[in-house]
């Protein structure tokens, strides 16, 4: 009986933990049905866990807006050849992103929708 109770408690703990893990990976805050295109200059590329970030400066006339763009896990990007030095500051990008639903300058990006400003693919380097 004691073994069954222990197993039941362990199963309950695993189910509870799994829920918090999946909640962390929700992309509900991004509008995936209305992607937008951005052209800008990398201020910083954060190759950090659990998600990578591109801090992109986008100029609109005389003003510029800094966008905080969340990407995939560094492990996934590393399998595609990406590393911490793939996007040094000053790199000009053209990106199709899923913007934040709030309207704030942020969104989600992925490798397949990111190119250099001239449309050429990014050659990943570590």
N, C-alpha and C. Protein backbone atom coordinates (compact mmCIF):
# COMPACT_ATOMS: atom_id res chain seq x y z
N UNK A 1 0.82 -1.20 0.00
CA UNK A 1 0.00 0.00 0.00
C UNK A 1 0.87 1.27 0.00
N UNK A 2 1.92 1.23 0.83
CA UNK A 2 2.78 2.40 0.92
C UNK A 2 3.45 2.69 -0.43
N UNK A 3 3.82 1.66 -1.16
CA UNK A 3 4.44 1.82 -2.49
C UNK A 3 3.47 2.47 -3.46
N UNK A 4 2.20 2.08 -3.39
CA UNK A 4 1.20 2.66 -4.29
C UNK A 4 0.98 4.14 -3.99
N UNK A 5 0.95 4.50 -2.72
CA UNK A 5 0.77 5.90 -2.33
C UNK A 5 1.97 6.73 -2.80
N UNK A 6 3.18 6.18 -2.60
CA UNK A 6 4.38 6.88 -3.04
C UNK A 6 4.38 7.09 -4.56
N UNK A 7 4.01 6.04 -5.29
CA UNK A 7 3.95 6.14 -6.74
C UNK A 7 2.91 7.16 -7.18
N UNK A 8 1.76 7.18 -6.52
CA UNK A 8 0.71 8.14 -6.85
C UNK A 8 1.16 9.57 -6.59
N UNK A 9 1.83 9.79 -5.46
CA UNK A 9 2.34 11.14 -5.16
C UNK A 9 3.41 11.57 -6.17
N UNK A 10 4.29 10.64 -6.54
CA UNK A 10 5.32 10.96 -7.52
C UNK A 10 4.70 11.30 -8.87
N UNK A 11 3.70 10.54 -9.28
CA UNK A 11 3.01 10.81 -10.55
C UNK A 11 2.34 12.18 -10.52
N UNK A 12 1.71 12.50 -9.40
CA UNK A 12 1.07 13.81 -9.27
C UNK A 12 2.08 14.95 -9.35
N UNK A 13 3.23 14.76 -8.72
CA UNK A 13 4.27 15.79 -8.78
C UNK A 13 4.78 15.97 -10.21
N UNK A 14 4.96 14.89 -10.93
CA UNK A 14 5.42 14.98 -12.32
C UNK A 14 4.41 15.70 -13.19
N UNK A 15 3.15 15.40 -13.01
CA UNK A 15 2.10 16.07 -13.79
C UNK A 15 2.09 17.56 -13.48
N UNK A 16 2.20 17.92 -12.22
CA UNK A 16 2.23 19.33 -11.84
C UNK A 16 3.43 20.05 -12.41
N UNK A 17 4.59 19.41 -12.37
CA UNK A 17 5.81 20.00 -12.92
C UNK A 17 5.72 20.15 -14.43
N UNK A 18 5.17 19.16 -15.10
CA UNK A 18 5.05 19.21 -16.56
C UNK A 18 4.19 20.38 -16.99
N UNK A 19 3.15 20.67 -16.25
CA UNK A 19 2.28 21.80 -16.58
C UNK A 19 3.03 23.12 -16.54
N UNK A 20 3.89 23.30 -15.54
CA UNK A 20 4.64 24.56 -15.45
C UNK A 20 5.67 24.67 -16.57
N UNK A 21 6.24 23.55 -16.98
CA UNK A 21 7.20 23.58 -18.10
C UNK A 21 6.50 23.99 -19.38
N UNK A 22 5.35 23.41 -19.68
CA UNK A 22 4.63 23.76 -20.90
C UNK A 22 4.11 25.19 -20.85
N UNK A 23 3.72 25.67 -19.70
CA UNK A 23 3.23 27.05 -19.59
C UNK A 23 4.34 28.04 -19.94
N UNK A 24 5.58 27.71 -19.58
CA UNK A 24 6.69 28.59 -19.88
C UNK A 24 6.88 28.77 -21.39
N UNK A 25 6.59 27.75 -22.17
CA UNK A 25 6.83 27.79 -23.59
C UNK A 25 5.64 28.27 -24.41
N UNK A 26 4.70 28.93 -23.78
CA UNK A 26 3.54 29.44 -24.51
C UNK A 26 3.95 30.62 -25.38
N UNK A 27 3.47 30.64 -26.60
CA UNK A 27 3.71 31.76 -27.50
C UNK A 27 2.42 32.52 -27.75
N UNK A 28 1.47 32.43 -26.82
CA UNK A 28 0.17 33.09 -26.97
C UNK A 28 0.31 34.61 -27.01
N UNK A 29 1.38 35.15 -26.47
CA UNK A 29 1.55 36.61 -26.45
C UNK A 29 1.92 37.17 -27.82
N UNK A 30 2.26 36.28 -28.78
CA UNK A 30 2.65 36.71 -30.12
C UNK A 30 1.51 36.49 -31.10
N UNK A 31 1.32 37.45 -32.00
CA UNK A 31 0.26 37.36 -33.02
C UNK A 31 0.81 36.62 -34.23
N UNK A 32 0.63 35.30 -34.23
CA UNK A 32 1.18 34.46 -35.29
C UNK A 32 0.36 34.52 -36.57
N UNK A 33 -0.80 35.12 -36.53
CA UNK A 33 -1.64 35.23 -37.72
C UNK A 33 -1.37 36.50 -38.52
N UNK A 34 -0.63 37.44 -37.96
CA UNK A 34 -0.36 38.70 -38.64
C UNK A 34 1.12 39.06 -38.53
N UNK A 35 2.00 38.29 -39.18
CA UNK A 35 3.43 38.60 -39.12
C UNK A 35 3.73 39.94 -39.80
N UNK A 36 4.80 40.56 -39.37
CA UNK A 36 5.24 41.82 -39.96
C UNK A 36 6.71 41.69 -40.36
N UNK A 37 7.13 42.55 -41.27
CA UNK A 37 8.53 42.55 -41.70
C UNK A 37 9.25 43.72 -41.06
N UNK A 38 10.45 43.44 -40.55
CA UNK A 38 11.30 44.47 -39.98
C UNK A 38 12.63 44.47 -40.71
N UNK A 39 13.19 45.65 -40.89
CA UNK A 39 14.54 45.80 -41.40
C UNK A 39 15.26 46.68 -40.40
N UNK A 40 16.37 46.17 -39.87
CA UNK A 40 17.07 46.93 -38.86
C UNK A 40 18.47 46.42 -38.62
N UNK A 41 19.10 47.01 -37.61
CA UNK A 41 20.48 46.72 -37.27
C UNK A 41 20.56 46.05 -35.90
N UNK A 42 21.32 44.96 -35.83
CA UNK A 42 21.48 44.24 -34.57
C UNK A 42 22.26 45.11 -33.59
N UNK A 43 21.65 45.33 -32.44
CA UNK A 43 22.36 46.00 -31.34
C UNK A 43 23.03 44.95 -30.46
N UNK A 44 22.30 43.80 -30.29
CA UNK A 44 22.84 42.74 -29.45
C UNK A 44 22.16 41.42 -29.83
N UNK A 45 22.93 40.35 -29.82
CA UNK A 45 22.40 39.00 -30.02
C UNK A 45 22.69 38.23 -28.75
N UNK A 46 21.64 37.85 -28.05
CA UNK A 46 21.77 37.14 -26.77
C UNK A 46 21.55 35.65 -27.02
N UNK A 47 22.63 34.90 -26.99
CA UNK A 47 22.59 33.45 -27.22
C UNK A 47 22.54 32.78 -25.85
N UNK A 48 21.38 32.91 -25.19
CA UNK A 48 21.22 32.47 -23.81
C UNK A 48 20.04 31.51 -23.66
N UNK A 49 20.09 30.70 -22.62
CA UNK A 49 18.98 29.79 -22.32
C UNK A 49 17.98 30.52 -21.44
N UNK A 50 16.72 30.25 -21.53
CA UNK A 50 16.13 29.20 -22.36
C UNK A 50 15.82 29.66 -23.78
N UNK A 51 15.92 30.96 -24.07
CA UNK A 51 15.61 31.47 -25.41
C UNK A 51 16.65 32.49 -25.83
N UNK A 52 16.89 32.55 -27.13
CA UNK A 52 17.78 33.57 -27.68
C UNK A 52 16.99 34.86 -27.90
N UNK A 53 17.71 35.97 -27.98
CA UNK A 53 17.08 37.26 -28.24
C UNK A 53 17.91 38.05 -29.23
N UNK A 54 17.22 38.77 -30.10
CA UNK A 54 17.86 39.74 -30.97
C UNK A 54 17.31 41.10 -30.56
N UNK A 55 18.21 42.00 -30.21
CA UNK A 55 17.82 43.38 -29.92
C UNK A 55 18.11 44.13 -31.22
N UNK A 56 17.03 44.57 -31.89
CA UNK A 56 17.12 45.13 -33.24
C UNK A 56 16.69 46.59 -33.24
N UNK A 57 17.53 47.46 -33.78
CA UNK A 57 17.18 48.87 -33.93
C UNK A 57 16.60 49.08 -35.32
N UNK A 58 15.36 49.53 -35.34
CA UNK A 58 14.64 49.75 -36.60
C UNK A 58 14.43 51.25 -36.75
N UNK A 59 14.92 51.80 -37.87
CA UNK A 59 14.76 53.24 -38.12
C UNK A 59 13.50 53.49 -38.92
N UNK A 60 12.80 54.52 -38.49
CA UNK A 60 11.57 54.95 -39.17
C UNK A 60 11.71 56.45 -39.37
N UNK A 61 12.26 56.82 -40.50
CA UNK A 61 12.53 58.24 -40.74
C UNK A 61 13.66 58.70 -39.84
N UNK A 62 13.43 59.75 -39.07
CA UNK A 62 14.46 60.27 -38.17
C UNK A 62 14.44 59.59 -36.81
N UNK A 63 13.42 58.79 -36.54
CA UNK A 63 13.32 58.09 -35.26
C UNK A 63 13.76 56.65 -35.40
N UNK A 64 14.18 56.07 -34.29
CA UNK A 64 14.48 54.64 -34.29
C UNK A 64 13.80 54.00 -33.09
N UNK A 65 13.41 52.75 -33.28
CA UNK A 65 12.74 51.99 -32.24
C UNK A 65 13.54 50.72 -32.02
N UNK A 66 13.76 50.37 -30.77
CA UNK A 66 14.48 49.15 -30.43
C UNK A 66 13.47 48.04 -30.17
N UNK A 67 13.60 46.96 -30.93
CA UNK A 67 12.71 45.81 -30.82
C UNK A 67 13.42 44.70 -30.06
N UNK A 68 12.70 44.06 -29.14
CA UNK A 68 13.20 42.93 -28.37
C UNK A 68 12.55 41.68 -28.95
N UNK A 69 13.32 40.85 -29.65
CA UNK A 69 12.78 39.73 -30.41
C UNK A 69 13.25 38.40 -29.81
N UNK A 70 12.30 37.57 -29.43
CA UNK A 70 12.58 36.30 -28.77
C UNK A 70 12.63 35.17 -29.79
N UNK A 71 13.68 34.37 -29.71
CA UNK A 71 13.84 33.24 -30.63
C UNK A 71 13.87 31.91 -29.92
N UNK A 72 14.30 30.91 -30.63
CA UNK A 72 14.35 29.56 -30.10
C UNK A 72 15.49 29.37 -29.11
N UNK A 73 15.55 28.16 -28.58
CA UNK A 73 16.60 27.80 -27.63
C UNK A 73 17.96 27.75 -28.33
N UNK A 74 19.02 28.10 -27.64
CA UNK A 74 20.34 28.08 -28.25
C UNK A 74 20.72 26.69 -28.78
N UNK A 75 20.27 25.63 -28.12
CA UNK A 75 20.58 24.28 -28.59
C UNK A 75 20.03 24.01 -29.98
N UNK A 76 18.80 24.47 -30.22
CA UNK A 76 18.20 24.31 -31.55
C UNK A 76 18.93 25.12 -32.60
N UNK A 77 19.32 26.34 -32.27
CA UNK A 77 20.06 27.16 -33.22
C UNK A 77 21.45 26.58 -33.47
N UNK A 78 22.06 26.02 -32.44
CA UNK A 78 23.39 25.42 -32.59
C UNK A 78 23.34 24.25 -33.58
N UNK A 79 22.24 23.50 -33.58
CA UNK A 79 22.11 22.40 -34.54
C UNK A 79 22.05 22.92 -35.97
N UNK A 80 21.63 24.18 -36.15
CA UNK A 80 21.62 24.81 -37.47
C UNK A 80 22.94 25.54 -37.76
N UNK A 81 23.91 25.40 -36.86
CA UNK A 81 25.22 26.02 -37.07
C UNK A 81 25.40 27.38 -36.42
N UNK A 82 24.38 27.88 -35.74
CA UNK A 82 24.47 29.19 -35.12
C UNK A 82 25.25 29.12 -33.81
N UNK A 83 25.87 30.24 -33.46
CA UNK A 83 26.58 30.37 -32.20
C UNK A 83 26.46 31.78 -31.68
N UNK A 84 27.11 32.08 -30.57
CA UNK A 84 27.00 33.41 -29.96
C UNK A 84 27.51 34.55 -30.82
N UNK A 85 28.36 34.25 -31.80
CA UNK A 85 28.96 35.30 -32.65
C UNK A 85 28.33 35.37 -34.04
N UNK A 86 27.23 34.65 -34.26
CA UNK A 86 26.62 34.63 -35.59
C UNK A 86 26.10 36.00 -36.01
N UNK A 87 25.56 36.76 -35.09
CA UNK A 87 25.01 38.09 -35.42
C UNK A 87 25.71 39.17 -34.59
N UNK A 88 26.88 39.60 -35.03
CA UNK A 88 27.56 40.65 -34.27
C UNK A 88 26.82 41.99 -34.38
N UNK A 89 27.01 42.87 -33.39
CA UNK A 89 26.40 44.19 -33.48
C UNK A 89 26.75 44.86 -34.80
N UNK A 90 25.76 45.53 -35.39
CA UNK A 90 25.96 46.21 -36.66
C UNK A 90 25.46 45.41 -37.85
N UNK A 91 25.14 44.12 -37.66
CA UNK A 91 24.62 43.30 -38.75
C UNK A 91 23.24 43.81 -39.13
N UNK A 92 23.02 44.04 -40.43
CA UNK A 92 21.72 44.51 -40.89
C UNK A 92 20.88 43.32 -41.33
N UNK A 93 19.66 43.23 -40.77
CA UNK A 93 18.78 42.10 -41.01
C UNK A 93 17.46 42.51 -41.63
N UNK A 94 16.87 41.56 -42.34
CA UNK A 94 15.47 41.65 -42.77
C UNK A 94 14.80 40.44 -42.13
N UNK A 95 13.73 40.69 -41.38
CA UNK A 95 13.09 39.62 -40.61
C UNK A 95 11.58 39.68 -40.76
N UNK A 96 10.97 38.53 -40.80
CA UNK A 96 9.52 38.45 -40.68
C UNK A 96 9.26 37.89 -39.29
N UNK A 97 8.59 38.67 -38.45
CA UNK A 97 8.38 38.28 -37.05
C UNK A 97 6.90 38.21 -36.74
N UNK A 98 6.60 37.53 -35.65
CA UNK A 98 5.25 37.52 -35.08
C UNK A 98 5.25 38.56 -33.97
N UNK A 99 4.57 39.70 -34.16
CA UNK A 99 4.65 40.79 -33.18
C UNK A 99 3.91 40.46 -31.88
N UNK A 100 4.26 41.19 -30.85
CA UNK A 100 3.54 41.08 -29.59
C UNK A 100 2.10 41.56 -29.78
N UNK A 101 1.17 40.87 -29.18
CA UNK A 101 -0.24 41.28 -29.25
C UNK A 101 -0.48 42.62 -28.58
N UNK A 102 0.37 42.96 -27.61
CA UNK A 102 0.20 44.21 -26.86
C UNK A 102 0.51 45.45 -27.70
N UNK A 103 1.22 45.26 -28.82
CA UNK A 103 1.61 46.40 -29.64
C UNK A 103 2.97 46.97 -29.27
N UNK A 104 3.57 46.47 -28.20
CA UNK A 104 4.92 46.90 -27.81
C UNK A 104 5.92 46.42 -28.86
N UNK A 105 7.06 47.09 -28.97
CA UNK A 105 8.05 46.71 -29.99
C UNK A 105 8.80 45.43 -29.61
N UNK A 106 8.17 44.33 -29.90
CA UNK A 106 8.76 43.03 -29.60
C UNK A 106 8.05 41.96 -30.40
N UNK A 107 8.60 40.76 -30.37
CA UNK A 107 7.97 39.68 -31.09
C UNK A 107 8.80 38.42 -31.06
N UNK A 108 8.38 37.46 -31.85
CA UNK A 108 9.07 36.18 -31.96
C UNK A 108 9.72 36.07 -33.33
N UNK A 109 10.93 35.56 -33.38
CA UNK A 109 11.64 35.39 -34.64
C UNK A 109 12.10 33.94 -34.76
N UNK A 110 12.39 33.53 -35.99
CA UNK A 110 13.01 32.23 -36.20
C UNK A 110 13.99 32.30 -37.37
N UNK A 111 14.87 31.34 -37.41
CA UNK A 111 15.96 31.31 -38.40
C UNK A 111 15.43 31.33 -39.83
N UNK A 112 14.37 30.57 -40.08
CA UNK A 112 13.88 30.43 -41.46
C UNK A 112 13.30 31.72 -42.03
N UNK A 113 12.97 32.69 -41.18
CA UNK A 113 12.40 33.94 -41.66
C UNK A 113 13.32 35.13 -41.40
N UNK A 114 14.61 34.85 -41.28
CA UNK A 114 15.61 35.88 -41.00
C UNK A 114 16.71 35.81 -42.05
N UNK A 115 16.99 36.95 -42.71
CA UNK A 115 18.06 37.02 -43.70
C UNK A 115 18.86 38.29 -43.46
N UNK A 116 19.96 38.41 -44.18
CA UNK A 116 20.67 39.68 -44.19
C UNK A 116 19.78 40.70 -44.90
N UNK A 117 20.05 41.96 -44.73
CA UNK A 117 19.21 43.03 -45.29
C UNK A 117 18.99 42.89 -46.78
N UNK A 118 20.02 42.41 -47.50
CA UNK A 118 19.89 42.27 -48.96
C UNK A 118 19.14 41.00 -49.37
N UNK A 119 18.68 40.22 -48.40
CA UNK A 119 17.92 39.01 -48.68
C UNK A 119 18.77 37.75 -48.74
N UNK A 120 20.08 37.89 -48.65
CA UNK A 120 20.94 36.71 -48.69
C UNK A 120 20.88 35.97 -47.35
N UNK A 121 21.09 34.65 -47.38
CA UNK A 121 21.02 33.87 -46.13
C UNK A 121 22.15 34.22 -45.18
N UNK A 122 21.89 33.98 -43.92
CA UNK A 122 22.92 34.20 -42.90
C UNK A 122 23.80 32.97 -42.85
N UNK A 123 25.11 33.19 -43.00
CA UNK A 123 26.06 32.09 -42.91
C UNK A 123 26.47 32.04 -41.44
N UNK A 124 26.00 30.99 -40.78
CA UNK A 124 26.26 30.88 -39.34
C UNK A 124 27.72 30.59 -39.08
N UNK A 125 28.23 31.21 -38.02
CA UNK A 125 29.60 30.94 -37.58
C UNK A 125 29.61 30.96 -36.06
N UNK A 126 30.44 30.15 -35.51
CA UNK A 126 30.52 30.07 -34.03
C UNK A 126 31.44 31.16 -33.60
